[in-house]
PDB file of N, CA and C in Angstrom:
ATOM      1  N   MET A   1      98.127  57.623  41.205  1.00  0.00           N
ATOM      2  CA  MET A   1      97.737  58.834  41.958  1.00  0.00           C
ATOM      3  C   MET A   1      97.127  58.651  43.187  1.00  0.00           C
ATOM      4  N   ALA A   2      97.595  59.299  44.071  1.00  0.00           N
ATOM      5  CA  ALA A   2      96.998  59.077  45.724  1.00  0.00           C
ATOM      6  C   ALA A   2      95.958  59.934  45.912  1.00  0.00           C
ATOM      7  N   ILE A   3      94.919  59.257  46.634  1.00  0.00           N
ATOM      8  CA  ILE A   3      93.781  60.004  47.049  1.00  0.00           C
ATOM      9  C   ILE A   3      93.731  59.827  48.348  1.00  0.00           C
ATOM     10  N   THR A   4      93.722  61.186  49.090  1.00  0.00           N
ATOM     11  CA  THR A   4      93.786  61.210  50.568  1.00  0.00           C
ATOM     12  C   THR A   4      92.437  61.483  51.320  1.00  0.00           C
ATOM     13  N   ARG A   5      91.410  61.662  50.722  1.00  0.00           N
ATOM     14  CA  ARG A   5      90.050  61.877  51.124  1.00  0.00           C
ATOM     15  C   ARG A   5      89.716  60.829  52.264  1.00  0.00           C
ATOM     16  N   PRO A   6      88.822  61.109  52.897  1.00  0.00           N
ATOM     17  CA  PRO A   6      88.118  60.296  53.839  1.00  0.00           C
ATOM     18  C   PRO A   6      87.607  59.177  53.366  1.00  0.00           C
ATOM     19  N   PHE A   7      87.450  57.785  53.703  1.00  0.00           N
ATOM     20  CA  PHE A   7      86.799  56.783  53.134  1.00  0.00           C
ATOM     21  C   PHE A   7      85.461  57.091  52.658  1.00  0.00           C
ATOM     22  N   ASN A   8      84.531  57.695  53.362  1.00  0.00           N
ATOM     23  CA  ASN A   8      83.192  57.885  52.990  1.00  0.00           C
ATOM     24  C   ASN A   8      83.075  59.181  52.008  1.00  0.00           C
ATOM     25  N   ARG A   9      84.204  59.715  51.403  1.00  0.00           N
ATOM     26  CA  ARG A   9      84.198  60.590  50.468  1.00  0.00           C
ATOM     27  C   ARG A   9      84.983  60.196  49.231  1.00  0.00           C
ATOM     28  N   LEU A  10      85.392  59.001  49.036  1.00  0.00           N
ATOM     29  CA  LEU A  10      86.375  58.649  48.237  1.00  0.00           C
ATOM     30  C   LEU A  10      85.644  58.320  46.693  1.00  0.00           C
ATOM     31  N   ASP A  11      84.494  58.062  46.630  1.00  0.00           N
ATOM     32  CA  ASP A  11      83.790  57.423  45.316  1.00  0.00           C
ATOM     33  C   ASP A  11      84.131  58.371  44.204  1.00  0.00           C
ATOM     34  N   GLU A  12      83.881  59.626  44.257  1.00  0.00           N
ATOM     35  CA  GLU A  12      83.752  60.474  43.020  1.00  0.00           C
ATOM     36  C   GLU A  12      85.340  60.955  42.644  1.00  0.00           C
ATOM     37  N   ALA A  13      86.143  60.930  43.742  1.00  0.00           N
ATOM     38  CA  ALA A  13      87.636  61.016  43.325  1.00  0.00           C
ATOM     39  C   ALA A  13      88.000  59.904  42.576  1.00  0.00           C
ATOM     40  N   VAL A  14      87.719  58.731  43.028  1.00  0.00           N
ATOM     41  CA  VAL A  14      88.138  57.366  42.395  1.00  0.00           C
ATOM     42  C   VAL A  14      87.572  57.414  40.972  1.00  0.00           C
ATOM     43  N   SER A  15      86.412  57.845  40.863  1.00  0.00           N
ATOM     44  CA  SER A  15      85.878  57.704  39.505  1.00  0.00           C
ATOM     45  C   SER A  15      86.646  58.637  38.516  1.00  0.00           C
ATOM     46  N   ILE A  16      86.820  59.912  38.923  1.00  0.00           N
ATOM     47  CA  ILE A  16      87.465  60.647  38.235  1.00  0.00           C
ATOM     48  C   ILE A  16      89.009  60.259  37.802  1.00  0.00           C
ATOM     49  N   VAL A  17      89.639  59.719  38.641  1.00  0.00           N
ATOM     50  CA  VAL A  17      91.236  59.165  38.264  1.00  0.00           C
ATOM     51  C   VAL A  17      90.943  58.083  37.561  1.00  0.00           C
ATOM     52  N   GLU A  18      89.978  57.071  37.775  1.00  0.00           N
ATOM     53  CA  GLU A  18      89.744  55.878  36.741  1.00  0.00           C
ATOM     54  C   GLU A  18      89.438  56.375  35.386  1.00  0.00           C
ATOM     55  N   SER A  19      88.536  57.552  35.288  1.00  0.00           N
ATOM     56  CA  SER A  19      88.125  57.900  34.017  1.00  0.00           C
ATOM     57  C   SER A  19      89.215  58.651  33.136  1.00  0.00           C
ATOM     58  N   TYR A  20      90.172  58.778  33.689  1.00  0.00           N
ATOM     59  CA  TYR A  20      91.614  59.337  32.957  1.00  0.00           C
ATOM     60  C   TYR A  20      92.453  58.020  32.949  1.00  0.00           C
ATOM     61  N   GLY A  21      92.080  56.930  33.261  1.00  0.00           N
ATOM     62  CA  GLY A  21      92.983  55.723  33.007  1.00  0.00           C
ATOM     63  C   GLY A  21      93.893  55.443  33.995  1.00  0.00           C
ATOM     64  N   ALA A  22      93.865  56.155  35.071  1.00  0.00           N
ATOM     65  CA  ALA A  22      94.757  56.121  36.066  1.00  0.00           C
ATOM     66  C   ALA A  22      94.353  55.049  37.107  1.00  0.00           C
ATOM     67  N   THR A  23      95.202  54.571  38.015  1.00  0.00           N
ATOM     68  CA  THR A  23      95.027  53.769  38.964  1.00  0.00           C
ATOM     69  C   THR A  23      95.038  54.469  40.316  1.00  0.00           C
ATOM     70  N   PRO A  24      93.976  54.851  41.120  1.00  0.00           N
ATOM     71  CA  PRO A  24      94.124  55.174  42.298  1.00  0.00           C
ATOM     72  C   PRO A  24      94.818  54.666  43.290  1.00  0.00           C
ATOM     73  N   PHE A  25      95.471  55.078  44.103  1.00  0.00           N
ATOM     74  CA  PHE A  25      96.029  54.585  45.404  1.00  0.00           C
ATOM     75  C   PHE A  25      95.459  55.436  46.469  1.00  0.00           C
ATOM     76  N   ILE A  26      94.581  54.540  47.147  1.00  0.00           N
ATOM     77  CA  ILE A  26      93.661  55.108  48.359  1.00  0.00           C
ATOM     78  C   ILE A  26      94.472  55.180  49.771  1.00  0.00           C
ATOM     79  N   ALA A  27      94.708  56.503  50.267  1.00  0.00           N
ATOM     80  CA  ALA A  27      95.394  56.543  51.466  1.00  0.00           C
ATOM     81  C   ALA A  27      94.669  57.900  52.281  1.00  0.00           C
ATOM     82  N   PRO A  28      93.699  57.478  52.753  1.00  0.00           N
ATOM     83  CA  PRO A  28      92.973  58.414  53.472  1.00  0.00           C
ATOM     84  C   PRO A  28      93.951  58.975  54.692  1.00  0.00           C
ATOM     85  N   THR A  29      93.931  60.132  54.785  1.00  0.00           N
ATOM     86  CA  THR A  29      94.798  61.054  55.743  1.00  0.00           C
ATOM     87  C   THR A  29      94.098  61.419  57.164  1.00  0.00           C
ATOM     88  N   LEU A  30      92.543  61.355  56.996  1.00  0.00           N
ATOM     89  CA  LEU A  30      91.983  61.719  58.125  1.00  0.00           C
ATOM     90  C   LEU A  30      90.649  61.092  57.955  1.00  0.00           C
ATOM     91  N   GLU A  31      89.888  61.005  59.199  1.00  0.00           N
ATOM     92  CA  GLU A  31      88.756  60.283  59.355  1.00  0.00           C
ATOM     93  C   GLU A  31      87.728  61.541  59.950  1.00  0.00           C
ATOM     94  N   LEU A  32      86.627  61.664  59.277  1.00  0.00           N
ATOM     95  CA  LEU A  32      85.803  62.718  59.717  1.00  0.00           C
ATOM     96  C   LEU A  32      84.438  62.088  60.545  1.00  0.00           C
ATOM     97  N   LYS A  33      84.396  62.464  61.611  1.00  0.00           N
ATOM     98  CA  LYS A  33      83.285  61.892  62.425  1.00  0.00           C
ATOM     99  C   LYS A  33      82.295  62.942  63.101  1.00  0.00           C
ATOM    100  N   LEU A  34      81.008  62.671  63.120  1.00  0.00           N
ATOM    101  CA  LEU A  34      80.169  63.455  63.759  1.00  0.00           C
ATOM    102  C   LEU A  34      80.241  63.614  65.179  1.00  0.00           C
ATOM    103  N   THR A  35      80.682  64.712  65.609  1.00  0.00           N
ATOM    104  CA  THR A  35      81.007  64.916  67.055  1.00  0.00           C
ATOM    105  C   THR A  35      80.161  66.086  67.774  1.00  0.00           C
ATOM    106  N   ASN A  36      79.840  66.053  68.824  1.00  0.00           N
ATOM    107  CA  ASN A  36      79.098  67.246  69.454  1.00  0.00           C
ATOM    108  C   ASN A  36      80.262  67.777  70.495  1.00  0.00           C
ATOM    109  N   THR A  37      81.236  68.539  69.752  1.00  0.00           N
ATOM    110  CA  THR A  37      82.419  69.142  70.484  1.00  0.00           C
ATOM    111  C   THR A  37      82.123  70.181  71.344  1.00  0.00           C
ATOM    112  N   GLU A  38      82.986  70.775  72.223  1.00  0.00           N
ATOM    113  CA  GLU A  38      82.828  72.019  72.995  1.00  0.00           C
ATOM    114  C   GLU A  38      82.497  73.059  72.083  1.00  0.00           C
ATOM    115  N   SER A  39      83.141  73.266  71.089  1.00  0.00           N
ATOM    116  CA  SER A  39      83.051  74.402  70.226  1.00  0.00           C
ATOM    117  C   SER A  39      81.713  74.394  69.449  1.00  0.00           C
ATOM    118  N   LEU A  40      81.202  73.153  69.118  1.00  0.00           N
ATOM    119  CA  LEU A  40      79.808  73.131  68.676  1.00  0.00           C
ATOM    120  C   LEU A  40      78.729  73.537  69.653  1.00  0.00           C
ATOM    121  N   LYS A  41      79.267  73.040  70.958  1.00  0.00           N
ATOM    122  CA  LYS A  41      78.094  73.414  71.876  1.00  0.00           C
ATOM    123  C   LYS A  41      77.966  75.104  72.119  1.00  0.00           C
ATOM    124  N   ALA A  42      79.315  75.653  72.098  1.00  0.00           N
ATOM    125  CA  ALA A  42      79.335  77.096  72.312  1.00  0.00           C
ATOM    126  C   ALA A  42      78.622  77.685  71.106  1.00  0.00           C
ATOM    127  N   LEU A  43      78.836  77.251  69.862  1.00  0.00           N
ATOM    128  CA  LEU A  43      78.038  77.801  68.598  1.00  0.00           C
ATOM    129  C   LEU A  43      76.591  77.842  68.999  1.00  0.00           C
ATOM    130  N   ILE A  44      76.049  76.683  69.481  1.00  0.00           N
ATOM    131  CA  ILE A  44      74.583  76.472  69.685  1.00  0.00           C
ATOM    132  C   ILE A  44      74.219  77.502  70.643  1.00  0.00           C
ATOM    133  N   GLU A  45      74.911  77.846  71.703  1.00  0.00           N
ATOM    134  CA  GLU A  45      74.773  78.837  72.837  1.00  0.00           C
ATOM    135  C   GLU A  45      74.635  80.216  72.106  1.00  0.00           C
ATOM    136  N   LEU A  46      75.325  80.508  71.157  1.00  0.00           N
ATOM    137  CA  LEU A  46      75.355  81.861  70.458  1.00  0.00           C
ATOM    138  C   LEU A  46      74.600  81.847  69.306  1.00  0.00           C
ATOM    139  N   ALA A  47      73.799  80.864  68.991  1.00  0.00           N
ATOM    140  CA  ALA A  47      73.016  80.818  67.626  1.00  0.00           C
ATOM    141  C   ALA A  47      72.096  82.124  67.416  1.00  0.00           C
ATOM    142  N   ASP A  48      71.527  82.494  68.551  1.00  0.00           N
ATOM    143  CA  ASP A  48      70.575  83.825  68.256  1.00  0.00           C
ATOM    144  C   ASP A  48      71.448  84.994  67.844  1.00  0.00           C
ATOM    145  N   ASP A  49      72.631  84.997  68.292  1.00  0.00           N
ATOM    146  CA  ASP A  49      73.299  86.206  68.090  1.00  0.00           C
ATOM    147  C   ASP A  49      74.052  86.298  66.824  1.00  0.00           C
ATOM    148  N   LEU A  50      73.975  85.191  66.150  1.00  0.00           N
ATOM    149  CA  LEU A  50      74.903  85.186  64.783  1.00  0.00           C
ATOM    150  C   LEU A  50      74.411  86.252  63.710  1.00  0.00           C
ATOM    151  N   ASP A  51      75.302  86.681  62.929  1.00  0.00           N
ATOM    152  CA  ASP A  51      74.928  87.498  62.036  1.00  0.00           C
ATOM    153  C   ASP A  51      75.090  86.669  60.734  1.00  0.00           C
ATOM    154  N   TRP A  52      76.452  85.874  60.625  1.00  0.00           N
ATOM    155  CA  TRP A  52      76.596  84.952  59.433  1.00  0.00           C
ATOM    156  C   TRP A  52      76.889  83.462  60.166  1.00  0.00           C
ATOM    157  N   LEU A  53      76.758  82.561  59.338  1.00  0.00           N
ATOM    158  CA  LEU A  53      76.984  81.332  59.557  1.00  0.00           C
ATOM    159  C   LEU A  53      77.582  80.647  58.155  1.00  0.00           C
ATOM    160  N   ILE A  54      78.800  80.297  58.262  1.00  0.00           N
ATOM    161  CA  ILE A  54      79.566  79.798  56.935  1.00  0.00           C
ATOM    162  C   ILE A  54      79.888  78.465  57.020  1.00  0.00           C
ATOM    163  N   PHE A  55      79.202  77.501  56.474  1.00  0.00           N
ATOM    164  CA  PHE A  55      79.430  76.172  56.439  1.00  0.00           C
ATOM    165  C   PHE A  55      80.836  75.869  55.437  1.00  0.00           C
ATOM    166  N   THR A  56      81.787  75.153  56.089  1.00  0.00           N
ATOM    167  CA  THR A  56      82.884  74.796  55.068  1.00  0.00           C
ATOM    168  C   THR A  56      82.982  73.494  54.821  1.00  0.00           C
ATOM    169  N   SER A  57      82.109  72.453  55.388  1.00  0.00           N
ATOM    170  CA  SER A  57      82.117  71.023  55.082  1.00  0.00           C
ATOM    171  C   SER A  57      80.858  70.390  55.320  1.00  0.00           C
ATOM    172  N   PRO A  58      80.770  69.354  54.596  1.00  0.00           N
ATOM    173  CA  PRO A  58      79.223  68.670  54.757  1.00  0.00           C
ATOM    174  C   PRO A  58      79.186  68.131  56.250  1.00  0.00           C
ATOM    175  N   THR A  59      80.378  67.685  56.836  1.00  0.00           N
ATOM    176  CA  THR A  59      80.478  67.215  58.088  1.00  0.00           C
ATOM    177  C   THR A  59      80.032  68.175  59.229  1.00  0.00           C
ATOM    178  N   SER A  60      80.330  69.349  59.134  1.00  0.00           N
ATOM    179  CA  SER A  60      79.989  70.468  59.889  1.00  0.00           C
ATOM    180  C   SER A  60      78.205  70.478  60.114  1.00  0.00           C
ATOM    181  N   ILE A  61      77.757  70.651  58.913  1.00  0.00           N
ATOM    182  CA  ILE A  61      76.286  70.610  58.529  1.00  0.00           C
ATOM    183  C   ILE A  61      75.607  69.636  59.330  1.00  0.00           C
ATOM    184  N   GLU A  62      76.185  68.149  58.856  1.00  0.00           N
ATOM    185  CA  GLU A  62      75.564  67.015  59.504  1.00  0.00           C
ATOM    186  C   GLU A  62      75.700  66.864  60.892  1.00  0.00           C
ATOM    187  N   SER A  63      76.924  67.469  61.471  1.00  0.00           N
ATOM    188  CA  SER A  63      76.955  67.524  63.055  1.00  0.00           C
ATOM    189  C   SER A  63      75.917  68.280  63.747  1.00  0.00           C
ATOM    190  N   ILE A  64      75.845  69.535  63.196  1.00  0.00           N
ATOM    191  CA  ILE A  64      74.823  70.330  63.816  1.00  0.00           C
ATOM    192  C   ILE A  64      73.468  69.716  63.761  1.00  0.00           C
ATOM    193  N   PHE A  65      73.025  69.217  62.682  1.00  0.00           N
ATOM    194  CA  PHE A  65      71.703  68.804  62.778  1.00  0.00           C
ATOM    195  C   PHE A  65      71.428  67.419  63.467  1.00  0.00           C
ATOM    196  N   LYS A  66      72.541  66.699  63.433  1.00  0.00           N
ATOM    197  CA  LYS A  66      72.430  65.314  64.181  1.00  0.00           C
ATOM    198  C   LYS A  66      72.146  65.660  65.607  1.00  0.00           C
ATOM    199  N   PHE A  67      72.914  66.551  66.210  1.00  0.00           N
ATOM    200  CA  PHE A  67      73.049  66.822  67.729  1.00  0.00           C
ATOM    201  C   PHE A  67      72.084  67.805  68.048  1.00  0.00           C
ATOM    202  N   TYR A  68      71.650  68.785  67.126  1.00  0.00           N
ATOM    203  CA  TYR A  68      70.721  69.797  67.469  1.00  0.00           C
ATOM    204  C   TYR A  68      69.678  70.111  66.205  1.00  0.00           C
ATOM    205  N   PRO A  69      68.947  69.025  66.180  1.00  0.00           N
ATOM    206  CA  PRO A  69      67.883  69.002  65.029  1.00  0.00           C
ATOM    207  C   PRO A  69      67.092  70.088  64.980  1.00  0.00           C
ATOM    208  N   ASN A  70      67.010  71.093  66.001  1.00  0.00           N
ATOM    209  CA  ASN A  70      66.003  72.207  65.784  1.00  0.00           C
ATOM    210  C   ASN A  70      67.121  73.483  65.831  1.00  0.00           C
ATOM    211  N   PHE A  71      68.165  73.172  65.274  1.00  0.00           N
ATOM    212  CA  PHE A  71      69.026  74.446  65.245  1.00  0.00           C
ATOM    213  C   PHE A  71      68.490  75.565  64.228  1.00  0.00           C
ATOM    214  N   GLY A  72      67.846  75.056  63.116  1.00  0.00           N
ATOM    215  CA  GLY A  72      67.190  76.010  62.352  1.00  0.00           C
ATOM    216  C   GLY A  72      66.368  77.036  62.961  1.00  0.00           C
ATOM    217  N   GLU A  73      65.810  76.625  64.103  1.00  0.00           N
ATOM    218  CA  GLU A  73      64.838  77.309  64.970  1.00  0.00           C
ATOM    219  C   GLU A  73      65.403  78.295  65.985  1.00  0.00           C
ATOM    220  N   LEU A  74      66.748  77.957  66.215  1.00  0.00           N
ATOM    221  CA  LEU A  74      67.492  78.649  67.224  1.00  0.00           C
ATOM    222  C   LEU A  74      68.382  79.796  66.729  1.00  0.00           C
ATOM    223  N   ILE A  75      68.606  79.904  65.552  1.00  0.00           N
ATOM    224  CA  ILE A  75      69.260  81.034  64.745  1.00  0.00           C
ATOM    225  C   ILE A  75      68.315  82.123  64.617  1.00  0.00           C
ATOM    226  N   ASN A  76      68.702  83.473  64.676  1.00  0.00           N
ATOM    227  CA  ASN A  76      67.831  84.514  64.458  1.00  0.00           C
ATOM    228  C   ASN A  76      67.576  84.621  63.154  1.00  0.00           C
ATOM    229  N   GLU A  77      66.332  85.273  62.791  1.00  0.00           N
ATOM    230  CA  GLU A  77      65.751  85.224  61.346  1.00  0.00           C
ATOM    231  C   GLU A  77      66.537  86.223  60.473  1.00  0.00           C
ATOM    232  N   ASN A  78      67.471  87.036  60.934  1.00  0.00           N
ATOM    233  CA  ASN A  78      68.353  87.804  60.310  1.00  0.00           C
ATOM    234  C   ASN A  78      69.809  87.278  59.960  1.00  0.00           C
ATOM    235  N   CYS A  79      70.013  86.070  60.489  1.00  0.00           N
ATOM    236  CA  CYS A  79      71.257  85.387  60.021  1.00  0.00           C
ATOM    237  C   CYS A  79      71.324  84.932  58.737  1.00  0.00           C
ATOM    238  N   GLN A  80      72.563  85.290  58.238  1.00  0.00           N
ATOM    239  CA  GLN A  80      72.871  84.924  56.876  1.00  0.00           C
ATOM    240  C   GLN A  80      73.561  83.732  56.727  1.00  0.00           C
ATOM    241  N   ILE A  81      73.230  82.794  55.755  1.00  0.00           N
ATOM    242  CA  ILE A  81      73.902  81.445  55.788  1.00  0.00           C
ATOM    243  C   ILE A  81      74.474  81.282  54.300  1.00  0.00           C
ATOM    244  N   ALA A  82      75.568  80.977  54.658  1.00  0.00           N
ATOM    245  CA  ALA A  82      76.533  80.838  53.311  1.00  0.00           C
ATOM    246  C   ALA A  82      77.199  79.307  53.373  1.00  0.00           C
ATOM    247  N   THR A  83      77.596  78.610  52.273  1.00  0.00           N
ATOM    248  CA  THR A  83      78.349  77.429  52.116  1.00  0.00           C
ATOM    249  C   THR A  83      79.200  77.793  51.111  1.00  0.00           C
ATOM    250  N   ILE A  84      80.444  76.977  51.409  1.00  0.00           N
ATOM    251  CA  ILE A  84      81.527  77.075  50.673  1.00  0.00           C
ATOM    252  C   ILE A  84      81.385  75.725  49.839  1.00  0.00           C
ATOM    253  N   GLY A  85      81.494  75.624  48.624  1.00  0.00           N
ATOM    254  CA  GLY A  85      81.399  74.446  47.635  1.00  0.00           C
ATOM    255  C   GLY A  85      79.974  73.856  47.428  1.00  0.00           C
ATOM    256  N   GLN A  86      79.791  73.275  46.307  1.00  0.00           N
ATOM    257  CA  GLN A  86      78.533  72.819  45.887  1.00  0.00           C
ATOM    258  C   GLN A  86      77.922  71.863  46.662  1.00  0.00           C
ATOM    259  N   LYS A  87      78.773  70.618  47.116  1.00  0.00           N
ATOM    260  CA  LYS A  87      78.157  69.669  47.914  1.00  0.00           C
ATOM    261  C   LYS A  87      77.675  70.128  49.264  1.00  0.00           C
ATOM    262  N   ASN A  88      78.191  71.191  49.731  1.00  0.00           N
ATOM    263  CA  ASN A  88      77.633  71.767  51.044  1.00  0.00           C
ATOM    264  C   ASN A  88      76.295  72.419  50.859  1.00  0.00           C
ATOM    265  N   SER A  89      76.251  73.042  49.824  1.00  0.00           N
ATOM    266  CA  SER A  89      74.977  73.746  49.555  1.00  0.00           C
ATOM    267  C   SER A  89      73.905  72.696  49.496  1.00  0.00           C
ATOM    268  N   ARG A  90      74.075  71.557  48.921  1.00  0.00           N
ATOM    269  CA  ARG A  90      73.106  70.607  48.899  1.00  0.00           C
ATOM    270  C   ARG A  90      72.775  69.779  50.107  1.00  0.00           C
ATOM    271  N   VAL A  91      73.604  69.987  51.026  1.00  0.00           N
ATOM    272  CA  VAL A  91      73.521  69.105  52.392  1.00  0.00           C
ATOM    273  C   VAL A  91      72.769  70.271  53.238  1.00  0.00           C
ATOM    274  N   SER A  92      72.955  71.488  53.102  1.00  0.00           N
ATOM    275  CA  SER A  92      72.430  72.480  53.892  1.00  0.00           C
ATOM    276  C   SER A  92      70.989  72.756  53.662  1.00  0.00           C
TER     277      SER A  92
END
């Protein structure tokens, strides 16, 4: 079975595959890096105007708080925050 997750997120998938007696073939198809992109900078500029903030990956949460550790102070108090997936909710 091929596992295409990034290297830093392989362990759980490998364990699951091996628990079923299969041999995992590790073939990461992308590499996730924490990056202070132009779109992240634009998000920070809009932080006080956000009604909702929905995190779809742990990397997005980690990037925001690496480059903008005070992000929680920048968003308005009425902003609703949601995460997609259990792992994201543990990071946020």
